[in-house]
Protein backbone atom coordinates (compact mmCIF):
# COMPACT_ATOMS: atom_id res chain seq x y z
CA UNK A 1 75.46 129.33 79.89
CA UNK A 2 76.31 125.93 81.33
CA UNK A 3 73.37 123.75 82.43
CA UNK A 4 72.78 120.34 83.92
CA UNK A 5 72.36 119.05 80.37
CA UNK A 6 76.17 118.81 80.28
CA UNK A 7 75.80 115.60 82.34
CA UNK A 8 75.19 112.90 79.77
CA UNK A 9 74.46 109.31 80.70
CA UNK A 10 77.48 107.19 79.84
CA UNK A 11 78.31 103.52 80.33
CA UNK A 12 81.65 101.94 81.12
CA UNK A 13 82.89 100.08 78.00
CA UNK A 14 83.14 96.27 78.39
CA UNK A 15 86.93 96.24 77.98
CA UNK A 16 87.26 98.61 80.93
CA UNK A 17 84.61 96.90 83.04
CA UNK A 18 86.67 93.71 82.61
CA UNK A 19 89.35 95.28 84.81
CA UNK A 20 87.05 95.02 87.83
CA UNK A 21 87.47 91.26 88.43
CA UNK A 22 91.29 91.14 88.64
CA UNK A 23 91.42 94.28 90.77
CA UNK A 24 88.81 92.89 93.15
CA UNK A 25 90.68 89.59 93.45
CA UNK A 26 93.94 91.43 94.19
CA UNK A 27 92.27 93.53 96.88
CA UNK A 28 90.56 90.58 98.54
CA UNK A 29 93.98 89.01 99.02
CA UNK A 30 95.84 92.20 99.97
CA UNK A 31 93.22 93.37 102.49
CA UNK A 32 92.24 90.01 103.94
CA UNK A 33 91.54 90.35 107.65
CA UNK A 34 91.93 94.15 107.77
CA UNK A 35 89.26 95.61 110.08
CA UNK A 36 86.63 98.03 108.70
CA UNK A 37 87.81 100.79 111.06
CA UNK A 38 91.23 100.60 109.38
CA UNK A 39 89.89 100.26 105.84
CA UNK A 40 87.59 103.26 106.41
CA UNK A 41 90.70 105.46 106.17
CA UNK A 42 91.13 104.36 102.53
CA UNK A 43 92.42 107.35 100.58
CA UNK A 44 93.83 108.77 103.81
CA UNK A 45 95.48 105.45 104.65
CA UNK A 46 99.24 105.45 103.90
CA UNK A 47 100.96 102.19 102.97
CA UNK A 48 104.00 102.56 100.69
CA UNK A 49 104.34 98.77 100.25
CA UNK A 50 100.74 98.51 99.07
CA UNK A 51 101.27 101.36 96.59
CA UNK A 52 104.39 99.71 95.19
CA UNK A 53 102.49 96.43 94.84
CA UNK A 54 99.76 98.28 92.96
CA UNK A 55 102.45 99.81 90.75
CA UNK A 56 103.82 96.36 89.92
CA UNK A 57 100.35 95.43 88.70
CA UNK A 58 100.42 98.44 86.35
CA UNK A 59 97.52 100.07 88.20
CA UNK A 60 99.15 103.37 89.10
CA UNK A 61 99.20 105.79 86.20
CA UNK A 62 96.57 103.72 84.46
CA UNK A 63 95.70 106.52 82.02
CA UNK A 64 99.26 107.82 81.57
CA UNK A 65 101.06 107.23 78.25
CA UNK A 66 102.97 103.98 77.92
CA UNK A 67 106.04 105.97 76.84
CA UNK A 68 106.24 107.30 80.41
CA UNK A 69 105.48 104.05 82.24
CA UNK A 70 101.71 104.30 82.25
CA UNK A 71 99.19 101.82 80.90
CA UNK A 72 97.61 104.08 78.29
CA UNK A 73 94.11 103.09 79.41
CA UNK A 74 90.93 105.18 79.27
CA UNK A 75 89.43 107.36 81.98
CA UNK A 76 86.75 104.67 82.40
CA UNK A 77 89.37 102.05 83.27
CA UNK A 78 90.70 104.39 85.94
CA UNK A 79 87.14 104.93 87.22
CA UNK A 80 86.69 101.16 87.63
CA UNK A 81 90.00 100.90 89.47
CA UNK A 82 89.15 103.77 91.83
CA UNK A 83 85.71 102.35 92.58
CA UNK A 84 87.20 99.03 93.61
CA UNK A 85 89.99 100.60 95.66
CA UNK A 86 87.63 102.86 97.58
CA UNK A 87 84.86 100.29 98.02
CA UNK A 88 87.40 97.88 99.52
CA UNK A 89 89.00 100.56 101.67
CA UNK A 90 92.46 100.17 100.17
CA UNK A 91 95.23 102.37 101.68
CA UNK A 92 95.96 104.47 98.60
CA UNK A 93 97.16 107.70 100.21
CA UNK A 94 100.86 107.20 99.39
CA UNK A 95 100.49 107.39 95.61
CA UNK A 96 97.05 109.02 95.38
CA UNK A 97 97.97 112.67 94.76
CA UNK A 98 100.87 111.89 92.43
CA UNK A 99 98.71 109.59 90.32
CA UNK A 100 95.60 111.79 90.29
CA UNK A 101 97.10 115.27 89.93
CA UNK A 102 100.86 115.63 89.73
CA UNK A 103 101.57 113.23 86.88
CA UNK A 104 98.78 114.63 84.61
CA UNK A 105 99.94 118.16 85.45
CA UNK A 106 103.54 117.41 84.48
CA UNK A 107 102.47 115.65 81.29
CA UNK A 108 100.37 118.64 80.26
CA UNK A 109 102.60 121.53 81.30
CA UNK A 110 106.01 120.16 82.29
CA UNK A 111 109.24 119.94 80.36
CA UNK A 112 110.38 116.74 78.69
CA UNK A 113 113.02 116.33 81.39
CA UNK A 114 110.34 116.61 84.10
CA UNK A 115 108.14 114.07 82.34
CA UNK A 116 111.00 111.61 81.98
CA UNK A 117 112.06 111.93 85.62
CA UNK A 118 108.77 112.12 87.51
CA UNK A 119 106.11 110.21 85.60
CA UNK A 120 107.72 106.73 85.36
CA UNK A 121 108.64 106.85 89.05
CA UNK A 122 105.09 107.84 89.97
CA UNK A 123 103.70 105.00 87.86
CA UNK A 124 105.94 102.49 89.64
CA UNK A 125 104.83 103.71 93.08
CA UNK A 126 108.35 104.89 93.89
CA UNK A 127 107.77 108.66 94.06
CA UNK A 128 105.06 110.25 96.20
CA UNK A 129 103.99 113.88 96.03
CA UNK A 130 101.98 116.34 98.08
CA UNK A 131 100.12 119.46 96.97
CA UNK A 132 101.00 122.85 98.44
CA UNK A 133 98.01 125.13 97.89
CA UNK A 134 96.38 126.35 101.12
CA UNK A 135 98.17 128.83 103.39
CA UNK A 136 97.56 130.14 106.91
CA UNK A 137 95.13 133.08 106.97
CA UNK A 138 94.02 132.60 103.35
CA UNK A 139 91.66 129.62 103.67
CA UNK A 140 90.42 128.47 100.27
CA UNK A 141 91.38 131.75 98.63
CA UNK A 142 94.21 130.41 96.47
CA UNK A 143 94.60 133.78 94.79
CA UNK A 144 95.74 135.16 98.16
CA UNK A 145 98.93 133.06 98.13
CA UNK A 146 101.84 134.80 99.87
CA UNK A 147 104.59 132.20 99.61
CA UNK A 148 107.14 133.64 97.22
CA UNK A 149 109.90 132.36 94.99
CA UNK A 150 112.38 134.90 93.62
CA UNK A 151 114.79 134.24 90.72
CA UNK A 152 118.45 133.58 91.55
CA UNK A 153 121.52 132.92 89.42
CA UNK A 154 120.85 129.18 89.63
CA UNK A 155 117.06 128.98 89.93
CA UNK A 156 114.69 130.11 92.68
CA UNK A 157 114.76 130.99 96.38
CA UNK A 158 111.54 130.02 98.15
CA UNK A 159 110.10 131.43 101.37
CA UNK A 160 106.64 130.95 102.86
CA UNK A 161 104.24 128.57 104.56
CA UNK A 162 101.69 125.98 103.47
CA UNK A 163 99.08 124.21 105.58
CA UNK A 164 96.72 121.22 105.35
CA UNK A 165 99.30 119.65 103.05
CA UNK A 166 98.43 115.96 103.05
CA UNK A 167 101.38 113.59 103.61
CA UNK A 168 104.06 116.27 103.27
CA UNK A 169 106.00 114.43 106.00
CA UNK A 170 106.04 111.28 103.88
CA UNK A 171 106.15 112.63 100.32
CA UNK A 172 109.29 113.02 98.25
CA UNK A 173 108.19 116.19 96.43
CA UNK A 174 105.61 118.92 96.79
CA UNK A 175 103.95 120.59 93.83
CA UNK A 176 103.34 124.02 95.31
CA UNK A 177 101.61 127.19 94.17
CA UNK A 178 103.69 130.28 94.91
CA UNK A 179 103.95 133.90 93.89
CA UNK A 180 106.84 134.62 91.52
CA UNK A 181 105.92 138.24 90.75
CA UNK A 182 103.68 141.02 92.04
CA UNK A 183 101.83 140.94 95.36
CA UNK A 184 98.81 139.17 96.81
CA UNK A 185 96.70 142.14 95.67
CA UNK A 186 97.43 141.07 92.07
CA UNK A 187 95.26 138.01 92.73
CA UNK A 188 95.60 135.53 89.83
CA UNK A 189 98.56 137.25 88.21
CA UNK A 190 102.12 136.29 89.06
CA UNK A 191 101.42 132.79 90.40
CA UNK A 192 103.53 129.79 89.39
CA UNK A 193 103.88 126.13 90.30
CA UNK A 194 107.15 124.64 91.54
CA UNK A 195 108.21 121.05 92.17
CA UNK A 196 109.99 121.11 95.54
CA UNK A 197 112.29 118.33 96.74
CA UNK A 198 111.21 118.00 100.38
CA UNK A 199 114.66 116.84 101.51
CA UNK A 200 116.24 120.23 100.73
CA UNK A 201 117.67 122.40 103.53
CA UNK A 202 115.37 125.09 104.86
CA UNK A 203 112.18 122.97 104.80
CA UNK A 204 110.37 122.16 108.05
CA UNK A 205 107.36 119.83 108.03
CA UNK A 206 105.03 119.70 111.04
CA UNK A 207 102.26 117.04 111.05
CA UNK A 208 98.88 118.16 112.43
CA UNK A 209 96.81 115.63 114.39
CA UNK A 210 93.12 115.39 113.56
CA UNK A 211 90.29 114.36 115.90
CA UNK A 212 90.87 110.68 115.17
CA UNK A 213 94.54 110.95 116.14
CA UNK A 214 95.86 110.59 112.59
CA UNK A 215 98.60 112.94 111.40
CA UNK A 216 98.28 113.14 107.62
CA UNK A 217 97.77 116.93 107.42
CA UNK A 218 100.90 119.06 107.71
CA UNK A 219 102.17 122.59 108.00
CA UNK A 220 105.23 123.21 105.81
CA UNK A 221 107.66 126.10 106.25
CA UNK A 222 110.11 127.25 103.57
CA UNK A 223 113.06 129.36 104.72
CA UNK A 224 115.45 130.44 101.94
CA UNK A 225 115.04 127.13 100.12
CA UNK A 226 117.27 127.05 97.03
CA UNK A 227 115.58 125.40 94.06
CA UNK A 228 117.00 124.65 90.61
CA UNK A 229 115.66 126.48 87.57
CA UNK A 230 113.88 123.35 86.35
CA UNK A 231 111.69 123.26 89.48
CA UNK A 232 109.28 125.52 87.58
CA UNK A 233 106.33 123.70 86.01
CA UNK A 234 105.07 125.28 82.79
CA UNK A 235 105.32 129.00 82.25
CA UNK A 236 106.22 131.50 84.95
CA UNK A 237 103.04 133.34 85.94
CA UNK A 238 100.71 130.68 84.50
CA UNK A 239 100.13 128.93 87.83
CA UNK A 240 96.52 129.99 88.24
CA UNK A 241 95.42 128.49 84.92
CA UNK A 242 97.40 125.35 85.63
CA UNK A 243 96.12 124.79 89.14
CA UNK A 244 92.45 125.34 88.21
CA UNK A 245 92.77 122.76 85.43
CA UNK A 246 94.42 120.38 87.91
CA UNK A 247 91.58 120.74 90.43
CA UNK A 248 89.05 119.21 88.02
CA UNK A 249 90.86 115.89 88.53
CA UNK A 250 90.62 116.31 92.31
CA UNK A 251 86.98 117.32 92.54
CA UNK A 252 85.15 114.87 90.30
CA UNK A 253 86.27 111.32 91.02
CA UNK A 254 84.69 108.52 93.05
CA UNK A 255 86.64 109.70 96.10
CA UNK A 256 84.06 112.50 96.35
CA UNK A 257 81.32 109.87 96.73
CA UNK A 258 82.84 106.82 98.40
CA UNK A 259 84.67 108.16 101.48
CA UNK A 260 82.00 106.66 103.78
CA UNK A 261 81.35 103.53 101.74
CA UNK A 262 83.35 101.14 103.93
CA UNK A 263 81.11 102.18 106.83
CA UNK A 264 77.98 101.63 104.76
CA UNK A 265 79.20 98.23 103.57
CA UNK A 266 80.07 97.15 107.14
CA UNK A 267 76.59 98.18 108.29
CA UNK A 268 74.89 96.29 105.45
CA UNK A 269 77.04 93.21 106.08
CA UNK A 270 75.74 93.01 109.66
CA UNK A 271 72.15 93.51 108.52
CA UNK A 272 72.50 90.60 106.08
CA UNK A 273 73.39 88.26 108.93
CA UNK A 274 69.94 88.57 110.51
CA UNK A 275 66.28 88.55 109.44
CA UNK A 276 64.92 91.05 106.94
CA UNK A 277 65.32 94.53 108.45
CA UNK A 278 62.37 96.70 109.36
CA UNK A 279 60.89 99.09 106.82
CA UNK A 280 62.57 102.12 108.38
CA UNK A 281 66.00 100.53 108.02
CA UNK A 282 65.27 99.56 104.42
CA UNK A 283 64.32 103.16 103.67
CA UNK A 284 67.74 104.36 104.86
CA UNK A 285 69.56 101.68 102.87
CA UNK A 286 67.53 102.66 99.80
CA UNK A 287 68.33 106.33 100.35
CA UNK A 288 72.04 105.57 100.32
CA UNK A 289 71.78 103.40 97.20
CA UNK A 290 69.63 105.88 95.27
CA UNK A 291 71.83 108.87 95.95
CA UNK A 292 74.97 106.93 95.22
CA UNK A 293 73.56 105.84 91.85
CA UNK A 294 72.83 109.43 90.88
CA UNK A 295 76.21 110.73 92.00
CA UNK A 296 78.04 107.85 90.33
CA UNK A 297 76.34 108.67 87.03
CA UNK A 298 77.39 112.31 87.39
CA UNK A 299 80.98 111.34 88.21
CA UNK A 300 81.09 109.02 85.21
CA UNK A 301 79.92 111.86 82.98
CA UNK A 302 82.81 114.02 84.22
CA UNK A 303 85.26 111.14 83.69
CA UNK A 304 84.09 110.96 80.09
CA UNK A 305 84.67 114.70 79.62
CA UNK A 306 88.13 114.50 81.16
CA UNK A 307 88.90 111.59 78.86
CA UNK A 308 88.09 113.85 75.89
CA UNK A 309 90.48 116.50 77.16
CA UNK A 310 87.76 118.93 78.26
CA UNK A 311 87.87 121.16 81.36
CA UNK A 312 84.63 120.37 83.24
CA UNK A 313 85.21 122.74 86.17
CA UNK A 314 81.48 123.42 86.59
CA UNK A 315 80.49 119.76 86.46
CA UNK A 316 83.35 118.69 88.73
CA UNK A 317 82.33 121.30 91.30
CA UNK A 318 78.76 119.98 91.30
CA UNK A 319 79.98 116.43 91.86
CA UNK A 320 82.29 117.56 94.63
CA UNK A 321 79.64 119.61 96.44
CA UNK A 322 76.85 117.05 96.21
CA UNK A 323 79.21 114.13 96.75
CA UNK A 324 80.75 115.41 99.96
CA UNK A 325 77.29 116.32 101.28
CA UNK A 326 76.30 112.69 100.68
CA UNK A 327 79.45 111.33 102.32
CA UNK A 328 78.90 113.50 105.37
CA UNK A 329 75.27 112.38 105.70
CA UNK A 330 75.95 108.62 105.73
CA UNK A 331 77.18 108.35 109.36
CA UNK A 332 74.08 110.17 110.62
CA UNK A 333 71.75 108.03 108.54
CA UNK A 334 73.31 104.83 109.86
CA UNK A 335 73.13 106.07 113.42
CA UNK A 336 69.46 106.88 112.77
CA UNK A 337 68.95 103.30 111.57
CA UNK A 338 70.36 101.97 114.85
CA UNK A 339 67.31 103.46 116.62
CA UNK A 340 64.80 101.83 114.27
CA UNK A 341 62.64 99.03 115.75
CA UNK A 342 64.19 95.61 115.30
CA UNK A 343 67.64 96.85 114.33
CA UNK A 344 70.27 94.37 115.59
CA UNK A 345 72.78 95.52 118.18
CA UNK A 346 75.78 96.87 116.21
CA UNK A 347 79.12 95.18 116.77
CA UNK A 348 82.05 96.92 118.42
CA UNK A 349 83.84 96.99 115.06
CA UNK A 350 80.93 98.72 113.36
CA UNK A 351 80.67 101.27 116.17
CA UNK A 352 84.41 101.95 115.92
CA UNK A 353 84.10 102.48 112.17
CA UNK A 354 81.13 104.79 112.68
CA UNK A 355 83.05 106.81 115.27
CA UNK A 356 86.02 107.28 112.93
CA UNK A 357 83.94 108.37 109.91
CA UNK A 358 81.81 110.67 112.09
CA UNK A 359 84.95 112.40 113.36
CA UNK A 360 86.48 112.75 109.89
CA UNK A 361 83.32 113.69 107.99
CA UNK A 362 83.46 117.46 108.67
CA UNK A 363 86.69 117.61 106.64
CA UNK A 364 85.03 116.12 103.54
CA UNK A 365 83.60 119.51 102.52
CA UNK A 366 86.95 121.24 103.09
CA UNK A 367 89.41 119.13 101.12
CA UNK A 368 89.56 120.01 97.44
CA UNK A 369 87.87 123.38 98.08
CA UNK A 370 85.18 124.44 100.52
CA UNK A 371 81.48 124.25 99.80
CA UNK A 372 81.37 128.05 99.44
CA UNK A 373 84.07 127.96 96.76
CA UNK A 374 82.29 125.13 94.92
CA UNK A 375 78.98 126.96 94.93
CA UNK A 376 80.63 130.09 93.59
CA UNK A 377 81.95 128.10 90.63
CA UNK A 378 78.55 126.48 90.16
CA UNK A 379 76.81 129.86 90.23
CA UNK A 380 79.12 131.19 87.53
CA UNK A 381 78.52 128.08 85.45
CA UNK A 382 74.76 128.60 85.69
CA UNK A 383 75.12 132.26 84.79
CA UNK A 384 73.66 133.56 88.05
CA UNK A 385 76.86 135.18 89.34
């Protein structure tokens, strides 16, 4: 039975902590003058030029092997990098999924030809990917996938639909979960992962606008899309095991804690310009700091386990559930602070940032798996389900 004792207190080694200063200096220059309302988009903010500049610094694929264009650094070095990117509100969406999920997936399960083609390009910030998991009418039930790829003389023919596919309209490839045998009633059996070139005939991508007016989510339709045989990642029918291992990378990182941090930092920056805030305001600031410290320690513990090659699905789910709850709470806490006696009048920029994060916050508990899915995994890990 898994317990909370699996979260050990770990510290970032000095050689990895040393990465923080050059990354911070780079970001201060690259993001100079960018408004908080823009920086608050951070890992939903798409800027291909910024991603390529980050690649030139060697900061994409930081943990990937040097033989494939990576830096060969530890999971702690990557944690430091992600903290700085998210705290600054860097627009990392272009390379984010490829760096976090697709490249590690290909290295673990892909062929040598796939590793040689995809991973160096990802590390240079030249190849962006999206993830095709969710489908209409199936919600977070990945085992209910209906999109199907059937074998042909030259590879695979793909038909189906995916939804909530971030940046599919801008990505070069999609790593998608499809059924290659059986039916949806077979649940986990018969699922495989395919790397789909999004320029192929038969693919239609439709961006979906969110409440803030952004269009990063997409619906993707596949109609008789012809794929080569080497589009298959790993073994045919092993997609469920592969995708669940992949999700640990998605659910445990600082992005599950820091999505509202630009807002919090903008609020604190305005408070620092005036006299000492009232006790009620200090309580809210302390609440944010205390919860962030706890969640950061938990996320670091998962980073250490991932660095040792473990599969911390239980721990990652805890971080994701508690982290997104924290991220969603921050806008309300800051709005509560505005009503405290003596709180200064917030600037228009701060109010704009608050409005954006408030609108986006409901999605925090959806992306990467809903709260209900996370709590099911947690319950199994605790032995109560």
